Amino acid sequence: MKLDTQIYKPNSYLLKLSTFRDIYKSLKTPWKPINWLILGYLVGIEKRYIEFVSKATVDKAIKDYMVNHPPEVYEAVVKEHEDGSFSIGKAYEDLP
């Protein structure tokens, strides 16, 4: 017996992107075990697709940022202060 509070969701809601939902709907068959296999493959492919696209987008953004903002490399400087402590790198007052 199904309770009235349960909400039925079609299998295509396991997919996150509408493109992959449309592919699933176009490949759907009347035989449920085949549908589950198709859905399983699409979920795996969609996960890899999302990871690939997001990694490519972030890498492109970093590359574009580095072109416009070249990294400034400072020589490491070890400096001993009057109180006996050491500092590594350029002090704020030493920067141009």
C-alpha atoms as a PDB file:
ATOM      1  CA  MET A   1       0.000   0.000   0.000  1.00  0.00           C
ATOM      2  CA  LYS A   2       1.381   3.372  -1.004  1.00  0.00           C
ATOM      3  CA  LEU A   3       0.966   6.256   1.402  1.00  0.00           C
ATOM      4  CA  ASP A   4      -0.411   9.554   0.146  1.00  0.00           C
ATOM      5  CA  THR A   5       2.618  11.381   1.529  1.00  0.00           C
ATOM      6  CA  GLN A   6       5.036   9.598  -0.808  1.00  0.00           C
ATOM      7  CA  ILE A   7       5.898  11.537  -3.913  1.00  0.00           C
ATOM      8  CA  TYR A   8       6.726   9.631  -7.059  1.00  0.00           C
ATOM      9  CA  LYS A   9       9.716  10.945  -8.942  1.00  0.00           C
ATOM     10  CA  PRO A  10      10.637   9.577 -12.330  1.00  0.00           C
ATOM     11  CA  ASN A  11      14.098   8.073 -12.740  1.00  0.00           C
ATOM     12  CA  SER A  12      15.239  10.998 -14.828  1.00  0.00           C
ATOM     13  CA  TYR A  13      15.452  13.128 -11.656  1.00  0.00           C
ATOM     14  CA  LEU A  14      18.638  11.234 -10.757  1.00  0.00           C
ATOM     15  CA  LEU A  15      20.257  13.181 -13.595  1.00  0.00           C
ATOM     16  CA  LYS A  16      21.318  16.752 -12.839  1.00  0.00           C
ATOM     17  CA  LEU A  17      21.532  18.292 -16.303  1.00  0.00           C
ATOM     18  CA  SER A  18      18.516  18.696 -18.566  1.00  0.00           C
ATOM     19  CA  THR A  19      20.586  17.554 -21.557  1.00  0.00           C
ATOM     20  CA  PHE A  20      21.165  14.168 -19.955  1.00  0.00           C
ATOM     21  CA  ARG A  21      17.483  13.951 -18.911  1.00  0.00           C
ATOM     22  CA  ASP A  22      16.496  14.505 -22.524  1.00  0.00           C
ATOM     23  CA  ILE A  23      18.929  11.803 -23.662  1.00  0.00           C
ATOM     24  CA  TYR A  24      17.466   9.402 -21.081  1.00  0.00           C
ATOM     25  CA  LYS A  25      13.910  10.137 -22.201  1.00  0.00           C
ATOM     26  CA  SER A  26      14.849   9.556 -25.839  1.00  0.00           C
ATOM     27  CA  LEU A  27      16.551   6.212 -25.032  1.00  0.00           C
ATOM     28  CA  LYS A  28      13.813   4.968 -22.681  1.00  0.00           C
ATOM     29  CA  THR A  29      12.398   1.531 -23.483  1.00  0.00           C
ATOM     30  CA  PRO A  30       9.313  -0.333 -22.239  1.00  0.00           C
ATOM     31  CA  TRP A  31      11.571  -2.816 -20.421  1.00  0.00           C
ATOM     32  CA  LYS A  32      12.566  -1.493 -16.962  1.00  0.00           C
ATOM     33  CA  PRO A  33      15.892  -3.382 -16.497  1.00  0.00           C
ATOM     34  CA  ILE A  34      17.244  -1.833 -19.709  1.00  0.00           C
ATOM     35  CA  ASN A  35      16.083   1.592 -18.508  1.00  0.00           C
ATOM     36  CA  TRP A  36      18.034   1.145 -15.260  1.00  0.00           C
ATOM     37  CA  LEU A  37      21.170   0.202 -17.201  1.00  0.00           C
ATOM     38  CA  ILE A  38      20.790   3.226 -19.473  1.00  0.00           C
ATOM     39  CA  LEU A  39      20.212   5.468 -16.457  1.00  0.00           C
ATOM     40  CA  GLY A  40      23.255   4.052 -14.645  1.00  0.00           C
ATOM     41  CA  TYR A  41      25.517   4.708 -17.626  1.00  0.00           C
ATOM     42  CA  LEU A  42      24.122   8.220 -18.062  1.00  0.00           C
ATOM     43  CA  VAL A  43      24.611   9.056 -14.368  1.00  0.00           C
ATOM     44  CA  GLY A  44      28.274   7.961 -14.587  1.00  0.00           C
ATOM     45  CA  ILE A  45      28.899   9.813 -17.836  1.00  0.00           C
ATOM     46  CA  GLU A  46      27.154  12.932 -16.506  1.00  0.00           C
ATOM     47  CA  LYS A  47      29.329  12.921 -13.366  1.00  0.00           C
ATOM     48  CA  ARG A  48      32.522  12.750 -15.429  1.00  0.00           C
ATOM     49  CA  TYR A  49      31.170  15.416 -17.818  1.00  0.00           C
ATOM     50  CA  ILE A  50      30.425  17.831 -14.957  1.00  0.00           C
ATOM     51  CA  GLU A  51      33.887  17.262 -13.444  1.00  0.00           C
ATOM     52  CA  PHE A  52      35.589  17.771 -16.819  1.00  0.00           C
ATOM     53  CA  VAL A  53      33.674  20.962 -17.680  1.00  0.00           C
ATOM     54  CA  SER A  54      34.153  22.506 -14.240  1.00  0.00           C
ATOM     55  CA  LYS A  55      37.897  21.696 -14.235  1.00  0.00           C
ATOM     56  CA  ALA A  56      38.305  23.151 -17.734  1.00  0.00           C
ATOM     57  CA  THR A  57      36.411  26.305 -16.738  1.00  0.00           C
ATOM     58  CA  VAL A  58      38.509  26.856 -13.614  1.00  0.00           C
ATOM     59  CA  ASP A  59      41.767  26.173 -15.487  1.00  0.00           C
ATOM     60  CA  LYS A  60      40.781  28.664 -18.210  1.00  0.00           C
ATOM     61  CA  ALA A  61      39.870  31.308 -15.607  1.00  0.00           C
ATOM     62  CA  ILE A  62      43.204  30.837 -13.832  1.00  0.00           C
ATOM     63  CA  LYS A  63      45.086  31.035 -17.133  1.00  0.00           C
ATOM     64  CA  ASP A  64      43.264  34.254 -18.110  1.00  0.00           C
ATOM     65  CA  TYR A  65      43.931  35.731 -14.664  1.00  0.00           C
ATOM     66  CA  MET A  66      47.643  34.901 -14.837  1.00  0.00           C
ATOM     67  CA  VAL A  67      47.942  36.614 -18.241  1.00  0.00           C
ATOM     68  CA  ASN A  68      46.501  39.844 -16.837  1.00  0.00           C
ATOM     69  CA  HIS A  69      48.231  39.598 -13.446  1.00  0.00           C
ATOM     70  CA  PRO A  70      51.729  38.131 -13.794  1.00  0.00           C
ATOM     71  CA  PRO A  71      53.114  36.743 -10.550  1.00  0.00           C
ATOM     72  CA  GLU A  72      55.692  38.857  -8.795  1.00  0.00           C
ATOM     73  CA  VAL A  73      58.539  36.822  -7.360  1.00  0.00           C
ATOM     74  CA  TYR A  74      60.436  38.249  -4.442  1.00  0.00           C
ATOM     75  CA  GLU A  75      63.818  36.989  -3.329  1.00  0.00           C
ATOM     76  CA  ALA A  76      63.649  35.314   0.068  1.00  0.00           C
ATOM     77  CA  VAL A  77      65.446  37.428   2.625  1.00  0.00           C
ATOM     78  CA  VAL A  78      66.239  36.298   6.168  1.00  0.00           C
ATOM     79  CA  LYS A  79      66.542  39.268   8.483  1.00  0.00           C
ATOM     80  CA  GLU A  80      67.498  39.343  12.153  1.00  0.00           C
ATOM     81  CA  HIS A  81      65.774  41.995  14.249  1.00  0.00           C
ATOM     82  CA  GLU A  82      67.147  43.869  17.273  1.00  0.00           C
ATOM     83  CA  ASP A  83      65.105  41.751  19.688  1.00  0.00           C
ATOM     84  CA  GLY A  84      66.732  38.532  18.388  1.00  0.00           C
ATOM     85  CA  SER A  85      63.795  37.362  16.278  1.00  0.00           C
ATOM     86  CA  PHE A  86      64.073  36.450  12.612  1.00  0.00           C
ATOM     87  CA  SER A  87      61.809  37.257   9.679  1.00  0.00           C
ATOM     88  CA  ILE A  88      61.792  35.546   6.315  1.00  0.00           C
ATOM     89  CA  GLY A  89      60.786  37.469   3.211  1.00  0.00           C
ATOM     90  CA  LYS A  90      60.526  41.150   2.563  1.00  0.00           C
ATOM     91  CA  ALA A  91      59.221  43.323   5.339  1.00  0.00           C
ATOM     92  CA  TYR A  92      56.370  45.717   4.636  1.00  0.00           C
ATOM     93  CA  GLU A  93      58.677  48.725   4.863  1.00  0.00           C
ATOM     94  CA  ASP A  94      61.114  47.141   2.375  1.00  0.00           C
ATOM     95  CA  LEU A  95      58.505  46.822  -0.400  1.00  0.00           C
ATOM     96  CA  PRO A  96      58.492  49.475  -3.150  1.00  0.00           C
END
